[in-house]
Amino acid sequence: MGKAFIDAAKKNEKATFYHTTADCAAAHGASADGVAIFRTFDEPKVVYTGPADSRDMEVFFRENSVESLFAFSDDSVEPIFHNSSPAMIYF
């Protein structure tokens, strides 16, 4: 799991990635030898449950890096349209 995580993290320049100890993971509600995203929107913690594959992790990171509902702005153009993410826009 660790090598796949590091490989996926190297391909993402927009997020900060941490590798930590089992004790630190447990203190934050995560499990050792696992991957979790801690964020400030929607669900605050999302746990990766897929295989130890860097491509699958990249998709997981991308899909869980954008809020489900947000005000449309210049900052939201890239996550929606650059990644060809499906979106419903209410004006």
PDB file of N, CA and C in Angstrom:
ATOM      1  N   MET A   1       0.829  -1.191   0.000  1.00  0.00           N
ATOM      2  CA  MET A   1       0.000   0.000   0.000  1.00  0.00           C
ATOM      3  C   MET A   1       0.868   1.248   0.000  1.00  0.00           C
ATOM      4  N   GLY A   2       1.974   1.225   0.730  1.00  0.00           N
ATOM      5  CA  GLY A   2       2.832   2.397   0.852  1.00  0.00           C
ATOM      6  C   GLY A   2       3.434   2.863  -0.460  1.00  0.00           C
ATOM      7  N   LYS A   3       3.939   1.955  -1.273  1.00  0.00           N
ATOM      8  CA  LYS A   3       4.542   2.334  -2.546  1.00  0.00           C
ATOM      9  C   LYS A   3       3.500   2.935  -3.481  1.00  0.00           C
ATOM     10  N   ALA A   4       2.318   2.341  -3.540  1.00  0.00           N
ATOM     11  CA  ALA A   4       1.245   2.868  -4.391  1.00  0.00           C
ATOM     12  C   ALA A   4       0.854   4.272  -3.941  1.00  0.00           C
ATOM     13  N   PHE A   5       0.776   4.500  -2.619  1.00  0.00           N
ATOM     14  CA  PHE A   5       0.450   5.813  -2.079  1.00  0.00           C
ATOM     15  C   PHE A   5       1.500   6.841  -2.484  1.00  0.00           C
ATOM     16  N   ILE A   6       2.759   6.506  -2.331  1.00  0.00           N
ATOM     17  CA  ILE A   6       3.843   7.434  -2.678  1.00  0.00           C
ATOM     18  C   ILE A   6       3.837   7.735  -4.169  1.00  0.00           C
ATOM     19  N   ASP A   7       3.638   6.723  -5.006  1.00  0.00           N
ATOM     20  CA  ASP A   7       3.580   6.937  -6.452  1.00  0.00           C
ATOM     21  C   ASP A   7       2.427   7.857  -6.825  1.00  0.00           C
ATOM     22  N   ALA A   8       1.253   7.653  -6.230  1.00  0.00           N
ATOM     23  CA  ALA A   8       0.099   8.508  -6.519  1.00  0.00           C
ATOM     24  C   ALA A   8       0.332   9.927  -6.004  1.00  0.00           C
ATOM     25  N   ALA A   9       0.928  10.063  -4.831  1.00  0.00           N
ATOM     26  CA  ALA A   9       1.188  11.379  -4.250  1.00  0.00           C
ATOM     27  C   ALA A   9       2.160  12.184  -5.105  1.00  0.00           C
ATOM     28  N   LYS A  10       3.136  11.542  -5.701  1.00  0.00           N
ATOM     29  CA  LYS A  10       4.115  12.232  -6.541  1.00  0.00           C
ATOM     30  C   LYS A  10       3.476  12.852  -7.775  1.00  0.00           C
ATOM     31  N   LYS A  11       2.332  12.343  -8.191  1.00  0.00           N
ATOM     32  CA  LYS A  11       1.665  12.840  -9.396  1.00  0.00           C
ATOM     33  C   LYS A  11       0.661  13.952  -9.095  1.00  0.00           C
ATOM     34  N   ASN A  12       0.505  14.329  -7.841  1.00  0.00           N
ATOM     35  CA  ASN A  12      -0.474  15.343  -7.455  1.00  0.00           C
ATOM     36  C   ASN A  12       0.239  16.495  -6.766  1.00  0.00           C
ATOM     37  N   GLU A  13       0.335  17.626  -7.452  1.00  0.00           N
ATOM     38  CA  GLU A  13       1.027  18.792  -6.897  1.00  0.00           C
ATOM     39  C   GLU A  13       0.090  19.724  -6.136  1.00  0.00           C
ATOM     40  N   LYS A  14      -1.207  19.453  -6.159  1.00  0.00           N
ATOM     41  CA  LYS A  14      -2.171  20.364  -5.557  1.00  0.00           C
ATOM     42  C   LYS A  14      -2.554  20.009  -4.131  1.00  0.00           C
ATOM     43  N   ALA A  15      -2.134  18.848  -3.655  1.00  0.00           N
ATOM     44  CA  ALA A  15      -2.492  18.422  -2.303  1.00  0.00           C
ATOM     45  C   ALA A  15      -1.226  18.166  -1.503  1.00  0.00           C
ATOM     46  N   THR A  16      -1.373  18.169  -0.190  1.00  0.00           N
ATOM     47  CA  THR A  16      -0.275  17.850   0.699  1.00  0.00           C
ATOM     48  C   THR A  16      -0.489  16.428   1.207  1.00  0.00           C
ATOM     49  N   PHE A  17       0.513  15.599   1.084  1.00  0.00           N
ATOM     50  CA  PHE A  17       0.429  14.198   1.483  1.00  0.00           C
ATOM     51  C   PHE A  17       1.336  13.950   2.677  1.00  0.00           C
ATOM     52  N   TYR A  18       0.869  13.097   3.585  1.00  0.00           N
ATOM     53  CA  TYR A  18       1.645  12.753   4.771  1.00  0.00           C
ATOM     54  C   TYR A  18       1.728  11.241   4.901  1.00  0.00           C
ATOM     55  N   HIS A  19       2.877  10.787   5.330  1.00  0.00           N
ATOM     56  CA  HIS A  19       3.081   9.379   5.684  1.00  0.00           C
ATOM     57  C   HIS A  19       3.391   9.400   7.162  1.00  0.00           C
ATOM     58  N   THR A  20       2.663   8.622   7.947  1.00  0.00           N
ATOM     59  CA  THR A  20       2.806   8.727   9.396  1.00  0.00           C
ATOM     60  C   THR A  20       2.836   7.353  10.063  1.00  0.00           C
ATOM     61  N   THR A  21       2.941   7.355  11.366  1.00  0.00           N
ATOM     62  CA  THR A  21       2.998   6.108  12.136  1.00  0.00           C
ATOM     63  C   THR A  21       1.592   5.596  12.440  1.00  0.00           C
ATOM     64  N   ALA A  22       1.509   4.353  12.860  1.00  0.00           N
ATOM     65  CA  ALA A  22       0.228   3.754  13.225  1.00  0.00           C
ATOM     66  C   ALA A  22      -0.407   4.497  14.403  1.00  0.00           C
ATOM     67  N   ASP A  23       0.391   4.926  15.379  1.00  0.00           N
ATOM     68  CA  ASP A  23      -0.143   5.649  16.533  1.00  0.00           C
ATOM     69  C   ASP A  23      -0.770   6.978  16.113  1.00  0.00           C
ATOM     70  N   CYS A  24      -0.111   7.694  15.237  1.00  0.00           N
ATOM     71  CA  CYS A  24      -0.638   8.968  14.753  1.00  0.00           C
ATOM     72  C   CYS A  24      -1.914   8.736  13.949  1.00  0.00           C
ATOM     73  N   ALA A  25      -1.923   7.717  13.109  1.00  0.00           N
ATOM     74  CA  ALA A  25      -3.118   7.397  12.317  1.00  0.00           C
ATOM     75  C   ALA A  25      -4.289   7.100  13.245  1.00  0.00           C
ATOM     76  N   ALA A  26      -4.061   6.272  14.257  1.00  0.00           N
ATOM     77  CA  ALA A  26      -5.124   5.901  15.194  1.00  0.00           C
ATOM     78  C   ALA A  26      -5.664   7.119  15.939  1.00  0.00           C
ATOM     79  N   ALA A  27      -4.782   8.056  16.287  1.00  0.00           N
ATOM     80  CA  ALA A  27      -5.204   9.263  16.990  1.00  0.00           C
ATOM     81  C   ALA A  27      -6.128  10.125  16.131  1.00  0.00           C
ATOM     82  N   HIS A  28      -6.081   9.940  14.820  1.00  0.00           N
ATOM     83  CA  HIS A  28      -6.924  10.718  13.904  1.00  0.00           C
ATOM     84  C   HIS A  28      -8.025   9.873  13.265  1.00  0.00           C
ATOM     85  N   GLY A  29      -8.268   8.701  13.829  1.00  0.00           N
ATOM     86  CA  GLY A  29      -9.359   7.870  13.347  1.00  0.00           C
ATOM     87  C   GLY A  29      -9.079   7.122  12.064  1.00  0.00           C
ATOM     88  N   ALA A  30      -7.835   6.976  11.694  1.00  0.00           N
ATOM     89  CA  ALA A  30      -7.460   6.240  10.483  1.00  0.00           C
ATOM     90  C   ALA A  30      -6.770   4.944  10.891  1.00  0.00           C
ATOM     91  N   SER A  31      -6.705   4.008   9.971  1.00  0.00           N
ATOM     92  CA  SER A  31      -6.050   2.744  10.291  1.00  0.00           C
ATOM     93  C   SER A  31      -4.660   2.702   9.675  1.00  0.00           C
ATOM     94  N   ALA A  32      -3.777   1.953  10.306  1.00  0.00           N
ATOM     95  CA  ALA A  32      -2.423   1.794   9.784  1.00  0.00           C
ATOM     96  C   ALA A  32      -2.467   0.990   8.499  1.00  0.00           C
ATOM     97  N   ASP A  33      -1.532   1.236   7.648  1.00  0.00           N
ATOM     98  CA  ASP A  33      -1.460   0.632   6.323  1.00  0.00           C
ATOM     99  C   ASP A  33      -2.736   0.906   5.548  1.00  0.00           C
ATOM    100  N   GLY A  34      -3.182   2.138   5.651  1.00  0.00           N
ATOM    101  CA  GLY A  34      -4.373   2.568   4.932  1.00  0.00           C
ATOM    102  C   GLY A  34      -4.198   3.996   4.460  1.00  0.00           C
ATOM    103  N   VAL A  35      -5.159   4.478   3.690  1.00  0.00           N
ATOM    104  CA  VAL A  35      -5.111   5.828   3.134  1.00  0.00           C
ATOM    105  C   VAL A  35      -6.420   6.526   3.472  1.00  0.00           C
ATOM    106  N   ALA A  36      -6.328   7.745   3.960  1.00  0.00           N
ATOM    107  CA  ALA A  36      -7.512   8.549   4.262  1.00  0.00           C
ATOM    108  C   ALA A  36      -7.266   9.977   3.817  1.00  0.00           C
ATOM    109  N   ILE A  37      -8.331  10.634   3.400  1.00  0.00           N
ATOM    110  CA  ILE A  37      -8.268  12.055   3.057  1.00  0.00           C
ATOM    111  C   ILE A  37      -8.988  12.809   4.171  1.00  0.00           C
ATOM    112  N   PHE A  38      -8.319  13.777   4.749  1.00  0.00           N
ATOM    113  CA  PHE A  38      -8.913  14.662   5.737  1.00  0.00           C
ATOM    114  C   PHE A  38      -9.157  15.993   5.038  1.00  0.00           C
ATOM    115  N   ARG A  39     -10.403  16.460   5.066  1.00  0.00           N
ATOM    116  CA  ARG A  39     -10.749  17.672   4.332  1.00  0.00           C
ATOM    117  C   ARG A  39     -11.700  18.524   5.149  1.00  0.00           C
ATOM    118  N   THR A  40     -11.939  19.739   4.700  1.00  0.00           N
ATOM    119  CA  THR A  40     -12.758  20.696   5.448  1.00  0.00           C
ATOM    120  C   THR A  40     -14.144  20.877   4.839  1.00  0.00           C
ATOM    121  N   PHE A  41     -14.610  19.949   4.035  1.00  0.00           N
ATOM    122  CA  PHE A  41     -15.934  20.045   3.420  1.00  0.00           C
ATOM    123  C   PHE A  41     -16.575  18.667   3.368  1.00  0.00           C
ATOM    124  N   ASP A  42     -17.886  18.646   3.059  1.00  0.00           N
ATOM    125  CA  ASP A  42     -18.657  17.402   2.989  1.00  0.00           C
ATOM    126  C   ASP A  42     -18.296  16.507   4.186  1.00  0.00           C
ATOM    127  N   GLU A  43     -17.992  15.253   3.959  1.00  0.00           N
ATOM    128  CA  GLU A  43     -17.535  14.384   5.042  1.00  0.00           C
ATOM    129  C   GLU A  43     -16.083  14.744   5.338  1.00  0.00           C
ATOM    130  N   PRO A  44     -15.732  15.015   6.601  1.00  0.00           N
ATOM    131  CA  PRO A  44     -14.364  15.460   6.894  1.00  0.00           C
ATOM    132  C   PRO A  44     -13.281  14.408   6.683  1.00  0.00           C
ATOM    133  N   LYS A  45     -13.648  13.129   6.698  1.00  0.00           N
ATOM    134  CA  LYS A  45     -12.651  12.083   6.465  1.00  0.00           C
ATOM    135  C   LYS A  45     -13.237  11.063   5.497  1.00  0.00           C
ATOM    136  N   VAL A  46     -12.472  10.736   4.465  1.00  0.00           N
ATOM    137  CA  VAL A  46     -12.878   9.731   3.485  1.00  0.00           C
ATOM    138  C   VAL A  46     -11.769   8.694   3.424  1.00  0.00           C
ATOM    139  N   VAL A  47     -12.120   7.423   3.568  1.00  0.00           N
ATOM    140  CA  VAL A  47     -11.149   6.339   3.627  1.00  0.00           C
ATOM    141  C   VAL A  47     -11.115   5.597   2.294  1.00  0.00           C
ATOM    142  N   TYR A  48      -9.917   5.364   1.801  1.00  0.00           N
ATOM    143  CA  TYR A  48      -9.715   4.594   0.575  1.00  0.00           C
ATOM    144  C   TYR A  48      -9.847   3.113   0.891  1.00  0.00           C
ATOM    145  N   THR A  49     -10.675   2.412   0.117  1.00  0.00           N
ATOM    146  CA  THR A  49     -10.892   0.987   0.365  1.00  0.00           C
ATOM    147  C   THR A  49     -10.529   0.129  -0.846  1.00  0.00           C
ATOM    148  N   GLY A  50      -9.927   0.748  -1.856  1.00  0.00           N
ATOM    149  CA  GLY A  50      -9.585   0.020  -3.070  1.00  0.00           C
ATOM    150  C   GLY A  50      -8.280  -0.747  -2.958  1.00  0.00           C
ATOM    151  N   PRO A  51      -7.841  -1.297  -4.085  1.00  0.00           N
ATOM    152  CA  PRO A  51      -6.602  -2.074  -4.098  1.00  0.00           C
ATOM    153  C   PRO A  51      -5.359  -1.189  -3.935  1.00  0.00           C
ATOM    154  N   ALA A  52      -4.244  -1.795  -3.621  1.00  0.00           N
ATOM    155  CA  ALA A  52      -2.975  -1.077  -3.476  1.00  0.00           C
ATOM    156  C   ALA A  52      -2.412  -0.795  -4.864  1.00  0.00           C
ATOM    157  N   ASP A  53      -3.069   0.117  -5.574  1.00  0.00           N
ATOM    158  CA  ASP A  53      -2.709   0.454  -6.945  1.00  0.00           C
ATOM    159  C   ASP A  53      -2.677   1.977  -7.073  1.00  0.00           C
ATOM    160  N   SER A  54      -1.568   2.530  -7.559  1.00  0.00           N
ATOM    161  CA  SER A  54      -1.425   3.988  -7.599  1.00  0.00           C
ATOM    162  C   SER A  54      -2.451   4.645  -8.522  1.00  0.00           C
ATOM    163  N   ARG A  55      -2.804   4.007  -9.639  1.00  0.00           N
ATOM    164  CA  ARG A  55      -3.800   4.616 -10.540  1.00  0.00           C
ATOM    165  C   ARG A  55      -5.169   4.699  -9.885  1.00  0.00           C
ATOM    166  N   ASP A  56      -5.556   3.655  -9.155  1.00  0.00           N
ATOM    167  CA  ASP A  56      -6.836   3.694  -8.447  1.00  0.00           C
ATOM    168  C   ASP A  56      -6.824   4.766  -7.363  1.00  0.00           C
ATOM    169  N   MET A  57      -5.691   4.922  -6.684  1.00  0.00           N
ATOM    170  CA  MET A  57      -5.579   5.965  -5.658  1.00  0.00           C
ATOM    171  C   MET A  57      -5.649   7.354  -6.281  1.00  0.00           C
ATOM    172  N   GLU A  58      -5.036   7.549  -7.443  1.00  0.00           N
ATOM    173  CA  GLU A  58      -5.102   8.840  -8.120  1.00  0.00           C
ATOM    174  C   GLU A  58      -6.557   9.217  -8.401  1.00  0.00           C
ATOM    175  N   VAL A  59      -7.337   8.269  -8.872  1.00  0.00           N
ATOM    176  CA  VAL A  59      -8.756   8.517  -9.142  1.00  0.00           C
ATOM    177  C   VAL A  59      -9.474   8.860  -7.835  1.00  0.00           C
ATOM    178  N   PHE A  60      -9.192   8.121  -6.786  1.00  0.00           N
ATOM    179  CA  PHE A  60      -9.786   8.383  -5.471  1.00  0.00           C
ATOM    180  C   PHE A  60      -9.450   9.795  -5.001  1.00  0.00           C
ATOM    181  N   PHE A  61      -8.188  10.199  -5.112  1.00  0.00           N
ATOM    182  CA  PHE A  61      -7.781  11.545  -4.698  1.00  0.00           C
ATOM    183  C   PHE A  61      -8.522  12.597  -5.515  1.00  0.00           C
ATOM    184  N   ARG A  62      -8.576  12.425  -6.817  1.00  0.00           N
ATOM    185  CA  ARG A  62      -9.218  13.395  -7.708  1.00  0.00           C
ATOM    186  C   ARG A  62     -10.720  13.500  -7.412  1.00  0.00           C
ATOM    187  N   GLU A  63     -11.388  12.361  -7.263  1.00  0.00           N
ATOM    188  CA  GLU A  63     -12.831  12.366  -7.037  1.00  0.00           C
ATOM    189  C   GLU A  63     -13.226  12.914  -5.673  1.00  0.00           C
ATOM    190  N   ASN A  64     -12.335  12.874  -4.722  1.00  0.00           N
ATOM    191  CA  ASN A  64     -12.667  13.322  -3.373  1.00  0.00           C
ATOM    192  C   ASN A  64     -12.027  14.652  -2.999  1.00  0.00           C
ATOM    193  N   SER A  65     -11.525  15.376  -3.989  1.00  0.00           N
ATOM    194  CA  SER A  65     -10.845  16.642  -3.728  1.00  0.00           C
ATOM    195  C   SER A  65     -11.710  17.860  -4.016  1.00  0.00           C
ATOM    196  N   VAL A  66     -12.908  17.651  -4.511  1.00  0.00           N
ATOM    197  CA  VAL A  66     -13.797  18.760  -4.858  1.00  0.00           C
ATOM    198  C   VAL A  66     -15.090  18.606  -4.063  1.00  0.00           C
ATOM    199  N   GLU A  67     -15.572  19.707  -3.546  1.00  0.00           N
ATOM    200  CA  GLU A  67     -16.808  19.688  -2.788  1.00  0.00           C
ATOM    201  C   GLU A  67     -17.972  19.212  -3.654  1.00  0.00           C
ATOM    202  N   SER A  68     -18.954  18.597  -3.037  1.00  0.00           N
ATOM    203  CA  SER A  68     -20.133  18.137  -3.767  1.00  0.00           C
ATOM    204  C   SER A  68     -21.017  19.305  -4.184  1.00  0.00           C
ATOM    205  N   LEU A  69     -21.111  20.325  -3.352  1.00  0.00           N
ATOM    206  CA  LEU A  69     -21.929  21.493  -3.633  1.00  0.00           C
ATOM    207  C   LEU A  69     -21.118  22.732  -3.269  1.00  0.00           C
ATOM    208  N   PHE A  70     -20.986  23.653  -4.223  1.00  0.00           N
ATOM    209  CA  PHE A  70     -20.197  24.850  -3.962  1.00  0.00           C
ATOM    210  C   PHE A  70     -20.652  25.968  -4.889  1.00  0.00           C
ATOM    211  N   ALA A  71     -20.289  27.186  -4.539  1.00  0.00           N
ATOM    212  CA  ALA A  71     -20.581  28.349  -5.378  1.00  0.00           C
ATOM    213  C   ALA A  71     -19.610  28.350  -6.548  1.00  0.00           C
ATOM    214  N   PHE A  72     -20.141  28.469  -7.755  1.00  0.00           N
ATOM    215  CA  PHE A  72     -19.308  28.471  -8.959  1.00  0.00           C
ATOM    216  C   PHE A  72     -18.455  29.738  -8.988  1.00  0.00           C
ATOM    217  N   SER A  73     -17.163  29.557  -9.259  1.00  0.00           N
ATOM    218  CA  SER A  73     -16.237  30.687  -9.333  1.00  0.00           C
ATOM    219  C   SER A  73     -15.081  30.312 -10.253  1.00  0.00           C
ATOM    220  N   ASP A  74     -14.163  31.240 -10.440  1.00  0.00           N
ATOM    221  CA  ASP A  74     -12.979  30.952 -11.255  1.00  0.00           C
ATOM    222  C   ASP A  74     -12.187  29.772 -10.698  1.00  0.00           C
ATOM    223  N   ASP A  75     -12.189  29.607  -9.378  1.00  0.00           N
ATOM    224  CA  ASP A  75     -11.451  28.511  -8.749  1.00  0.00           C
ATOM    225  C   ASP A  75     -12.065  27.142  -9.035  1.00  0.00           C
ATOM    226  N   SER A  76     -13.346  27.096  -9.358  1.00  0.00           N
ATOM    227  CA  SER A  76     -13.998  25.807  -9.587  1.00  0.00           C
ATOM    228  C   SER A  76     -13.974  25.373 -11.042  1.00  0.00           C
ATOM    229  N   VAL A  77     -13.514  26.219 -11.938  1.00  0.00           N
ATOM    230  CA  VAL A  77     -13.494  25.878 -13.363  1.00  0.00           C
ATOM    231  C   VAL A  77     -12.590  24.675 -13.636  1.00  0.00           C
ATOM    232  N   GLU A  78     -11.373  24.700 -13.146  1.00  0.00           N
ATOM    233  CA  GLU A  78     -10.435  23.612 -13.429  1.00  0.00           C
ATOM    234  C   GLU A  78     -10.893  22.261 -12.881  1.00  0.00           C
ATOM    235  N   PRO A  79     -11.301  22.168 -11.597  1.00  0.00           N
ATOM    236  CA  PRO A  79     -11.709  20.848 -11.099  1.00  0.00           C
ATOM    237  C   PRO A  79     -12.894  20.257 -11.864  1.00  0.00           C
ATOM    238  N   ILE A  80     -13.781  21.106 -12.366  1.00  0.00           N
ATOM    239  CA  ILE A  80     -14.950  20.594 -13.083  1.00  0.00           C
ATOM    240  C   ILE A  80     -14.626  20.280 -14.532  1.00  0.00           C
ATOM    241  N   PHE A  81     -14.137  21.268 -15.254  1.00  0.00           N
ATOM    242  CA  PHE A  81     -14.013  21.127 -16.698  1.00  0.00           C
ATOM    243  C   PHE A  81     -12.689  20.522 -17.155  1.00  0.00           C
ATOM    244  N   HIS A  82     -11.610  20.788 -16.449  1.00  0.00           N
ATOM    245  CA  HIS A  82     -10.313  20.240 -16.850  1.00  0.00           C
ATOM    246  C   HIS A  82     -10.284  18.725 -16.671  1.00  0.00           C
ATOM    247  N   ASN A  83     -10.882  18.250 -15.605  1.00  0.00           N
ATOM    248  CA  ASN A  83     -10.905  16.813 -15.335  1.00  0.00           C
ATOM    249  C   ASN A  83     -12.115  16.127 -15.943  1.00  0.00           C
ATOM    250  N   SER A  84     -12.920  16.861 -16.677  1.00  0.00           N
ATOM    251  CA  SER A  84     -14.130  16.327 -17.302  1.00  0.00           C
ATOM    252  C   SER A  84     -15.052  15.660 -16.282  1.00  0.00           C
ATOM    253  N   SER A  85     -15.149  16.262 -15.114  1.00  0.00           N
ATOM    254  CA  SER A  85     -16.046  15.749 -14.082  1.00  0.00           C
ATOM    255  C   SER A  85     -17.477  16.102 -14.418  1.00  0.00           C
ATOM    256  N   PRO A  86     -18.412  15.187 -14.222  1.00  0.00           N
ATOM    257  CA  PRO A  86     -19.810  15.530 -14.452  1.00  0.00           C
ATOM    258  C   PRO A  86     -20.242  16.577 -13.437  1.00  0.00           C
ATOM    259  N   ALA A  87     -21.056  17.513 -13.867  1.00  0.00           N
ATOM    260  CA  ALA A  87     -21.478  18.580 -12.971  1.00  0.00           C
ATOM    261  C   ALA A  87     -22.879  19.041 -13.329  1.00  0.00           C
ATOM    262  N   MET A  88     -23.607  19.423 -12.325  1.00  0.00           N
ATOM    263  CA  MET A  88     -24.901  20.082 -12.499  1.00  0.00           C
ATOM    264  C   MET A  88     -24.705  21.483 -11.998  1.00  0.00           C
ATOM    265  N   ILE A  89     -25.031  22.473 -12.800  1.00  0.00           N
ATOM    266  CA  ILE A  89     -24.814  23.860 -12.427  1.00  0.00           C
ATOM    267  C   ILE A  89     -26.156  24.568 -12.348  1.00  0.00           C
ATOM    268  N   TYR A  90     -26.432  25.172 -11.209  1.00  0.00           N
ATOM    269  CA  TYR A  90     -27.669  25.914 -10.982  1.00  0.00           C
ATOM    270  C   TYR A  90     -27.332  27.398 -11.011  1.00  0.00           C
ATOM    271  N   PHE A  91     -27.969  28.128 -11.915  1.00  0.00           N
ATOM    272  CA  PHE A  91     -27.742  29.576 -12.018  1.00  0.00           C
ATOM    273  C   PHE A  91     -28.951  30.310 -11.492  1.00  0.00           C
TER     274      PHE A  91
END
